[in-house]
Amino acid sequence: MPLLDDLVNNYSNKILVKIFTQVGIEIAKITDINRQILKEVTLAQWLLESARGKSDLAVNTNNFAGLKWQIPDMKGFAA
């Protein structure tokens, strides 16, 4: 599934230090090894939540993580 492949490739290449800094997480508390584990666990959870990219939520809304919040709080992030 190209969309799922793109998601995995995009996320696995992200620099989590930058993302953590943007959301206010102290990066000194998270080692490089833990960052890599976090990426792997997150991707595994997305695969599980989205039935490997085949769930209705993943297919219809590109929501692989199963996030379900109401507008306007999560507009653009969750279904």
PDB file of N, CA and C in Angstrom:
ATOM      1  N   MET A   1       0.848  -1.176   0.000  1.00  0.00           N
ATOM      2  CA  MET A   1       0.000   0.000   0.000  1.00  0.00           C
ATOM      3  C   MET A   1       0.893   1.239   0.000  1.00  0.00           C
ATOM      4  N   PRO A   2       0.873   2.001  -1.077  1.00  0.00           N
ATOM      5  CA  PRO A   2       1.770   3.152  -1.213  1.00  0.00           C
ATOM      6  C   PRO A   2       1.628   4.185  -0.093  1.00  0.00           C
ATOM      7  N   LEU A   3       0.399   4.466   0.336  1.00  0.00           N
ATOM      8  CA  LEU A   3       0.195   5.471   1.367  1.00  0.00           C
ATOM      9  C   LEU A   3       0.849   5.047   2.681  1.00  0.00           C
ATOM     10  N   LEU A   4       0.681   3.788   3.049  1.00  0.00           N
ATOM     11  CA  LEU A   4       1.295   3.277   4.274  1.00  0.00           C
ATOM     12  C   LEU A   4       2.817   3.278   4.142  1.00  0.00           C
ATOM     13  N   ASP A   5       3.323   2.886   2.993  1.00  0.00           N
ATOM     14  CA  ASP A   5       4.763   2.910   2.758  1.00  0.00           C
ATOM     15  C   ASP A   5       5.315   4.325   2.895  1.00  0.00           C
ATOM     16  N   ASP A   6       4.597   5.297   2.346  1.00  0.00           N
ATOM     17  CA  ASP A   6       5.024   6.696   2.458  1.00  0.00           C
ATOM     18  C   ASP A   6       5.043   7.140   3.919  1.00  0.00           C
ATOM     19  N   LEU A   7       4.012   6.753   4.663  1.00  0.00           N
ATOM     20  CA  LEU A   7       3.935   7.110   6.073  1.00  0.00           C
ATOM     21  C   LEU A   7       5.118   6.532   6.845  1.00  0.00           C
ATOM     22  N   VAL A   8       5.398   5.264   6.633  1.00  0.00           N
ATOM     23  CA  VAL A   8       6.504   4.606   7.334  1.00  0.00           C
ATOM     24  C   VAL A   8       7.832   5.249   6.967  1.00  0.00           C
ATOM     25  N   ASN A   9       8.054   5.471   5.685  1.00  0.00           N
ATOM     26  CA  ASN A   9       9.310   6.088   5.250  1.00  0.00           C
ATOM     27  C   ASN A   9       9.466   7.509   5.790  1.00  0.00           C
ATOM     28  N   ASN A  10       8.393   8.272   5.745  1.00  0.00           N
ATOM     29  CA  ASN A  10       8.431   9.648   6.224  1.00  0.00           C
ATOM     30  C   ASN A  10       8.714   9.688   7.722  1.00  0.00           C
ATOM     31  N   TYR A  11       7.974   8.896   8.489  1.00  0.00           N
ATOM     32  CA  TYR A  11       8.137   8.923   9.943  1.00  0.00           C
ATOM     33  C   TYR A  11       9.494   8.377  10.371  1.00  0.00           C
ATOM     34  N   SER A  12       9.951   7.306   9.728  1.00  0.00           N
ATOM     35  CA  SER A  12      11.218   6.709  10.149  1.00  0.00           C
ATOM     36  C   SER A  12      12.401   7.630   9.867  1.00  0.00           C
ATOM     37  N   ASN A  13      12.230   8.592   8.965  1.00  0.00           N
ATOM     38  CA  ASN A  13      13.302   9.538   8.665  1.00  0.00           C
ATOM     39  C   ASN A  13      13.195  10.849   9.451  1.00  0.00           C
ATOM     40  N   LYS A  14      12.169  10.987  10.265  1.00  0.00           N
ATOM     41  CA  LYS A  14      11.998  12.212  11.050  1.00  0.00           C
ATOM     42  C   LYS A  14      13.049  12.301  12.150  1.00  0.00           C
ATOM     43  N   ILE A  15      13.437  13.500  12.446  1.00  0.00           N
ATOM     44  CA  ILE A  15      14.359  13.744  13.544  1.00  0.00           C
ATOM     45  C   ILE A  15      13.506  14.064  14.771  1.00  0.00           C
ATOM     46  N   LEU A  16      13.415  13.093  15.675  1.00  0.00           N
ATOM     47  CA  LEU A  16      12.521  13.243  16.809  1.00  0.00           C
ATOM     48  C   LEU A  16      12.945  14.352  17.765  1.00  0.00           C
ATOM     49  N   VAL A  17      14.231  14.678  17.793  1.00  0.00           N
ATOM     50  CA  VAL A  17      14.690  15.756  18.665  1.00  0.00           C
ATOM     51  C   VAL A  17      13.954  17.051  18.322  1.00  0.00           C
ATOM     52  N   LYS A  18      13.819  17.337  17.046  1.00  0.00           N
ATOM     53  CA  LYS A  18      13.128  18.555  16.606  1.00  0.00           C
ATOM     54  C   LYS A  18      11.650  18.515  17.009  1.00  0.00           C
ATOM     55  N   ILE A  19      11.027  17.373  16.806  1.00  0.00           N
ATOM     56  CA  ILE A  19       9.606  17.240  17.162  1.00  0.00           C
ATOM     57  C   ILE A  19       9.424  17.377  18.670  1.00  0.00           C
ATOM     58  N   PHE A  20      10.270  16.700  19.455  1.00  0.00           N
ATOM     59  CA  PHE A  20      10.165  16.790  20.917  1.00  0.00           C
ATOM     60  C   PHE A  20      10.339  18.224  21.393  1.00  0.00           C
ATOM     61  N   THR A  21      11.284  18.937  20.818  1.00  0.00           N
ATOM     62  CA  THR A  21      11.527  20.327  21.190  1.00  0.00           C
ATOM     63  C   THR A  21      10.297  21.186  20.901  1.00  0.00           C
ATOM     64  N   GLN A  22       9.657  20.933  19.766  1.00  0.00           N
ATOM     65  CA  GLN A  22       8.480  21.720  19.381  1.00  0.00           C
ATOM     66  C   GLN A  22       7.321  21.514  20.346  1.00  0.00           C
ATOM     67  N   VAL A  23       7.209  20.333  20.930  1.00  0.00           N
ATOM     68  CA  VAL A  23       6.094  20.063  21.843  1.00  0.00           C
ATOM     69  C   VAL A  23       6.481  20.191  23.312  1.00  0.00           C
ATOM     70  N   GLY A  24       7.726  20.617  23.569  1.00  0.00           N
ATOM     71  CA  GLY A  24       8.133  20.917  24.936  1.00  0.00           C
ATOM     72  C   GLY A  24       8.689  19.754  25.741  1.00  0.00           C
ATOM     73  N   ILE A  25       9.121  18.681  25.093  1.00  0.00           N
ATOM     74  CA  ILE A  25       9.717  17.550  25.812  1.00  0.00           C
ATOM     75  C   ILE A  25      11.216  17.796  25.935  1.00  0.00           C
ATOM     76  N   GLU A  26      11.754  17.601  27.120  1.00  0.00           N
ATOM     77  CA  GLU A  26      13.187  17.794  27.339  1.00  0.00           C
ATOM     78  C   GLU A  26      13.959  16.669  26.663  1.00  0.00           C
ATOM     79  N   ILE A  27      14.692  17.012  25.627  1.00  0.00           N
ATOM     80  CA  ILE A  27      15.380  15.995  24.833  1.00  0.00           C
ATOM     81  C   ILE A  27      16.537  15.346  25.577  1.00  0.00           C
ATOM     82  N   ALA A  28      17.075  16.018  26.573  1.00  0.00           N
ATOM     83  CA  ALA A  28      18.183  15.445  27.331  1.00  0.00           C
ATOM     84  C   ALA A  28      17.760  14.188  28.088  1.00  0.00           C
ATOM     85  N   LYS A  29      16.471  14.044  28.330  1.00  0.00           N
ATOM     86  CA  LYS A  29      15.970  12.889  29.080  1.00  0.00           C
ATOM     87  C   LYS A  29      15.783  11.654  28.204  1.00  0.00           C
ATOM     88  N   ILE A  30      15.903  11.806  26.891  1.00  0.00           N
ATOM     89  CA  ILE A  30      15.643  10.698  25.974  1.00  0.00           C
ATOM     90  C   ILE A  30      16.912  10.398  25.182  1.00  0.00           C
ATOM     91  N   THR A  31      17.437   9.195  25.341  1.00  0.00           N
ATOM     92  CA  THR A  31      18.671   8.813  24.656  1.00  0.00           C
ATOM     93  C   THR A  31      18.400   8.492  23.188  1.00  0.00           C
ATOM     94  N   ASP A  32      19.471   8.437  22.414  1.00  0.00           N
ATOM     95  CA  ASP A  32      19.337   8.072  20.995  1.00  0.00           C
ATOM     96  C   ASP A  32      18.705   6.696  20.835  1.00  0.00           C
ATOM     97  N   ILE A  33      19.104   5.767  21.683  1.00  0.00           N
ATOM     98  CA  ILE A  33      18.542   4.411  21.606  1.00  0.00           C
ATOM     99  C   ILE A  33      17.049   4.444  21.897  1.00  0.00           C
ATOM    100  N   ASN A  34      16.649   5.203  22.903  1.00  0.00           N
ATOM    101  CA  ASN A  34      15.223   5.304  23.229  1.00  0.00           C
ATOM    102  C   ASN A  34      14.432   5.968  22.115  1.00  0.00           C
ATOM    103  N   ARG A  35      15.043   6.938  21.431  1.00  0.00           N
ATOM    104  CA  ARG A  35      14.356   7.570  20.297  1.00  0.00           C
ATOM    105  C   ARG A  35      14.106   6.557  19.191  1.00  0.00           C
ATOM    106  N   GLN A  36      15.081   5.721  18.915  1.00  0.00           N
ATOM    107  CA  GLN A  36      14.919   4.702  17.880  1.00  0.00           C
ATOM    108  C   GLN A  36      13.847   3.687  18.286  1.00  0.00           C
ATOM    109  N   ILE A  37      13.857   3.293  19.536  1.00  0.00           N
ATOM    110  CA  ILE A  37      12.831   2.360  20.026  1.00  0.00           C
ATOM    111  C   ILE A  37      11.457   3.001  19.920  1.00  0.00           C
ATOM    112  N   LEU A  38      11.353   4.277  20.267  1.00  0.00           N
ATOM    113  CA  LEU A  38      10.081   4.990  20.164  1.00  0.00           C
ATOM    114  C   LEU A  38       9.564   4.976  18.730  1.00  0.00           C
ATOM    115  N   LYS A  39      10.435   5.209  17.763  1.00  0.00           N
ATOM    116  CA  LYS A  39      10.018   5.167  16.356  1.00  0.00           C
ATOM    117  C   LYS A  39       9.478   3.794  15.995  1.00  0.00           C
ATOM    118  N   GLU A  40      10.211   2.752  16.389  1.00  0.00           N
ATOM    119  CA  GLU A  40       9.807   1.388  16.037  1.00  0.00           C
ATOM    120  C   GLU A  40       8.488   1.001  16.688  1.00  0.00           C
ATOM    121  N   VAL A  41       8.334   1.347  17.950  1.00  0.00           N
ATOM    122  CA  VAL A  41       7.102   1.019  18.666  1.00  0.00           C
ATOM    123  C   VAL A  41       5.919   1.799  18.096  1.00  0.00           C
ATOM    124  N   THR A  42       6.134   3.067  17.773  1.00  0.00           N
ATOM    125  CA  THR A  42       5.067   3.885  17.189  1.00  0.00           C
ATOM    126  C   THR A  42       4.619   3.318  15.847  1.00  0.00           C
ATOM    127  N   LEU A  43       5.564   2.967  14.993  1.00  0.00           N
ATOM    128  CA  LEU A  43       5.213   2.389  13.697  1.00  0.00           C
ATOM    129  C   LEU A  43       4.493   1.061  13.874  1.00  0.00           C
ATOM    130  N   ALA A  44       4.937   0.242  14.813  1.00  0.00           N
ATOM    131  CA  ALA A  44       4.266  -1.034  15.075  1.00  0.00           C
ATOM    132  C   ALA A  44       2.837  -0.805  15.554  1.00  0.00           C
ATOM    133  N   GLN A  45       2.648   0.196  16.414  1.00  0.00           N
ATOM    134  CA  GLN A  45       1.302   0.507  16.905  1.00  0.00           C
ATOM    135  C   GLN A  45       0.408   0.999  15.769  1.00  0.00           C
ATOM    136  N   TRP A  46       0.950   1.832  14.870  1.00  0.00           N
ATOM    137  CA  TRP A  46       0.167   2.297  13.726  1.00  0.00           C
ATOM    138  C   TRP A  46      -0.248   1.128  12.845  1.00  0.00           C
ATOM    139  N   LEU A  47       0.665   0.195  12.629  1.00  0.00           N
ATOM    140  CA  LEU A  47       0.322  -0.985  11.815  1.00  0.00           C
ATOM    141  C   LEU A  47      -0.783  -1.786  12.480  1.00  0.00           C
ATOM    142  N   LEU A  48      -0.697  -1.939  13.794  1.00  0.00           N
ATOM    143  CA  LEU A  48      -1.722  -2.669  14.531  1.00  0.00           C
ATOM    144  C   LEU A  48      -3.058  -1.936  14.493  1.00  0.00           C
ATOM    145  N   GLU A  49      -3.041  -0.646  14.811  1.00  0.00           N
ATOM    146  CA  GLU A  49      -4.274   0.151  14.864  1.00  0.00           C
ATOM    147  C   GLU A  49      -4.976   0.229  13.510  1.00  0.00           C
ATOM    148  N   SER A  50      -4.208   0.236  12.435  1.00  0.00           N
ATOM    149  CA  SER A  50      -4.799   0.438  11.105  1.00  0.00           C
ATOM    150  C   SER A  50      -4.991  -0.862  10.327  1.00  0.00           C
ATOM    151  N   ALA A  51      -4.817  -2.003  10.993  1.00  0.00           N
ATOM    152  CA  ALA A  51      -4.903  -3.297  10.305  1.00  0.00           C
ATOM    153  C   ALA A  51      -3.998  -3.303   9.078  1.00  0.00           C
ATOM    154  N   ARG A  52      -2.760  -2.869   9.319  1.00  0.00           N
ATOM    155  CA  ARG A  52      -1.737  -2.754   8.268  1.00  0.00           C
ATOM    156  C   ARG A  52      -2.179  -1.825   7.132  1.00  0.00           C
ATOM    157  N   GLY A  53      -2.834  -0.742   7.526  1.00  0.00           N
ATOM    158  CA  GLY A  53      -3.247   0.265   6.554  1.00  0.00           C
ATOM    159  C   GLY A  53      -4.529  -0.052   5.824  1.00  0.00           C
ATOM    160  N   LYS A  54      -5.283  -1.049   6.282  1.00  0.00           N
ATOM    161  CA  LYS A  54      -6.491  -1.465   5.576  1.00  0.00           C
ATOM    162  C   LYS A  54      -7.788  -1.121   6.305  1.00  0.00           C
ATOM    163  N   SER A  55      -7.697  -0.532   7.505  1.00  0.00           N
ATOM    164  CA  SER A  55      -8.914  -0.190   8.238  1.00  0.00           C
ATOM    165  C   SER A  55      -9.647   0.957   7.547  1.00  0.00           C
ATOM    166  N   ASP A  56     -10.938   1.076   7.815  1.00  0.00           N
ATOM    167  CA  ASP A  56     -11.723   2.176   7.235  1.00  0.00           C
ATOM    168  C   ASP A  56     -11.131   3.528   7.614  1.00  0.00           C
ATOM    169  N   LEU A  57     -10.715   3.657   8.859  1.00  0.00           N
ATOM    170  CA  LEU A  57     -10.148   4.916   9.323  1.00  0.00           C
ATOM    171  C   LEU A  57      -8.867   5.258   8.570  1.00  0.00           C
ATOM    172  N   ALA A  58      -8.033   4.272   8.325  1.00  0.00           N
ATOM    173  CA  ALA A  58      -6.788   4.506   7.587  1.00  0.00           C
ATOM    174  C   ALA A  58      -7.056   4.822   6.125  1.00  0.00           C
ATOM    175  N   VAL A  59      -7.939   4.065   5.515  1.00  0.00           N
ATOM    176  CA  VAL A  59      -8.204   4.226   4.085  1.00  0.00           C
ATOM    177  C   VAL A  59      -8.967   5.514   3.793  1.00  0.00           C
ATOM    178  N   ASN A  60      -9.989   5.796   4.580  1.00  0.00           N
ATOM    179  CA  ASN A  60     -10.866   6.934   4.285  1.00  0.00           C
ATOM    180  C   ASN A  60     -10.346   8.279   4.788  1.00  0.00           C
ATOM    181  N   THR A  61      -9.543   8.269   5.849  1.00  0.00           N
ATOM    182  CA  THR A  61      -9.113   9.539   6.432  1.00  0.00           C
ATOM    183  C   THR A  61      -7.601   9.633   6.628  1.00  0.00           C
ATOM    184  N   ASN A  62      -6.861   8.645   6.115  1.00  0.00           N
ATOM    185  CA  ASN A  62      -5.405   8.607   6.291  1.00  0.00           C
ATOM    186  C   ASN A  62      -5.016   8.655   7.762  1.00  0.00           C
ATOM    187  N   ASN A  63      -5.843   8.095   8.617  1.00  0.00           N
ATOM    188  CA  ASN A  63      -5.603   8.081  10.062  1.00  0.00           C
ATOM    189  C   ASN A  63      -5.146   6.679  10.454  1.00  0.00           C
ATOM    190  N   PHE A  64      -3.834   6.489  10.526  1.00  0.00           N
ATOM    191  CA  PHE A  64      -3.286   5.174  10.814  1.00  0.00           C
ATOM    192  C   PHE A  64      -3.164   4.898  12.301  1.00  0.00           C
ATOM    193  N   ALA A  65      -3.240   5.930  13.123  1.00  0.00           N
ATOM    194  CA  ALA A  65      -3.038   5.753  14.556  1.00  0.00           C
ATOM    195  C   ALA A  65      -4.341   5.534  15.308  1.00  0.00           C
ATOM    196  N   GLY A  66      -5.461   5.662  14.655  1.00  0.00           N
ATOM    197  CA  GLY A  66      -6.740   5.461  15.318  1.00  0.00           C
ATOM    198  C   GLY A  66      -7.142   6.605  16.222  1.00  0.00           C
ATOM    199  N   LEU A  67      -6.582   7.790  15.989  1.00  0.00           N
ATOM    200  CA  LEU A  67      -6.924   8.954  16.810  1.00  0.00           C
ATOM    201  C   LEU A  67      -8.337   9.418  16.502  1.00  0.00           C
ATOM    202  N   LYS A  68      -9.098   9.705  17.555  1.00  0.00           N
ATOM    203  CA  LYS A  68     -10.473  10.146  17.361  1.00  0.00           C
ATOM    204  C   LYS A  68     -10.781  11.288  18.329  1.00  0.00           C
ATOM    205  N   TRP A  69     -10.507  12.508  17.895  1.00  0.00           N
ATOM    206  CA  TRP A  69     -10.845  13.695  18.667  1.00  0.00           C
ATOM    207  C   TRP A  69     -11.808  14.544  17.870  1.00  0.00           C
ATOM    208  N   GLN A  70     -12.434  15.450  18.544  1.00  0.00           N
ATOM    209  CA  GLN A  70     -13.440  16.287  17.907  1.00  0.00           C
ATOM    210  C   GLN A  70     -12.807  17.566  17.360  1.00  0.00           C
ATOM    211  N   ILE A  71     -13.430  18.079  16.302  1.00  0.00           N
ATOM    212  CA  ILE A  71     -13.061  19.371  15.739  1.00  0.00           C
ATOM    213  C   ILE A  71     -13.445  20.434  16.769  1.00  0.00           C
ATOM    214  N   PRO A  72     -12.729  21.465  16.997  1.00  0.00           N
ATOM    215  CA  PRO A  72     -11.557  21.936  16.280  1.00  0.00           C
ATOM    216  C   PRO A  72     -10.241  21.466  16.895  1.00  0.00           C
ATOM    217  N   ASP A  73     -10.310  20.783  18.044  1.00  0.00           N
ATOM    218  CA  ASP A  73      -9.100  20.438  18.789  1.00  0.00           C
ATOM    219  C   ASP A  73      -8.054  19.706  17.956  1.00  0.00           C
ATOM    220  N   MET A  74      -8.469  18.738  17.168  1.00  0.00           N
ATOM    221  CA  MET A  74      -7.513  17.918  16.434  1.00  0.00           C
ATOM    222  C   MET A  74      -7.734  17.995  14.919  1.00  0.00           C
ATOM    223  N   LYS A  75      -8.316  19.069  14.456  1.00  0.00           N
ATOM    224  CA  LYS A  75      -8.556  19.220  13.019  1.00  0.00           C
ATOM    225  C   LYS A  75      -7.247  19.052  12.243  1.00  0.00           C
ATOM    226  N   GLY A  76      -7.256  18.162  11.284  1.00  0.00           N
ATOM    227  CA  GLY A  76      -6.070  17.894  10.495  1.00  0.00           C
ATOM    228  C   GLY A  76      -5.193  16.791  11.059  1.00  0.00           C
ATOM    229  N   PHE A  77      -5.479  16.350  12.274  1.00  0.00           N
ATOM    230  CA  PHE A  77      -4.668  15.310  12.907  1.00  0.00           C
ATOM    231  C   PHE A  77      -5.437  14.023  13.131  1.00  0.00           C
ATOM    232  N   ALA A  78      -6.729  14.080  13.263  1.00  0.00           N
ATOM    233  CA  ALA A  78      -7.501  12.893  13.602  1.00  0.00           C
ATOM    234  C   ALA A  78      -8.884  12.972  12.986  1.00  0.00           C
ATOM    235  N   ALA A  79      -9.483  11.823  12.865  1.00  0.00           N
ATOM    236  CA  ALA A  79     -10.839  11.756  12.287  1.00  0.00           C
ATOM    237  C   ALA A  79     -11.874  12.021  13.358  1.00  0.00           C
TER     238      ALA A  79
END
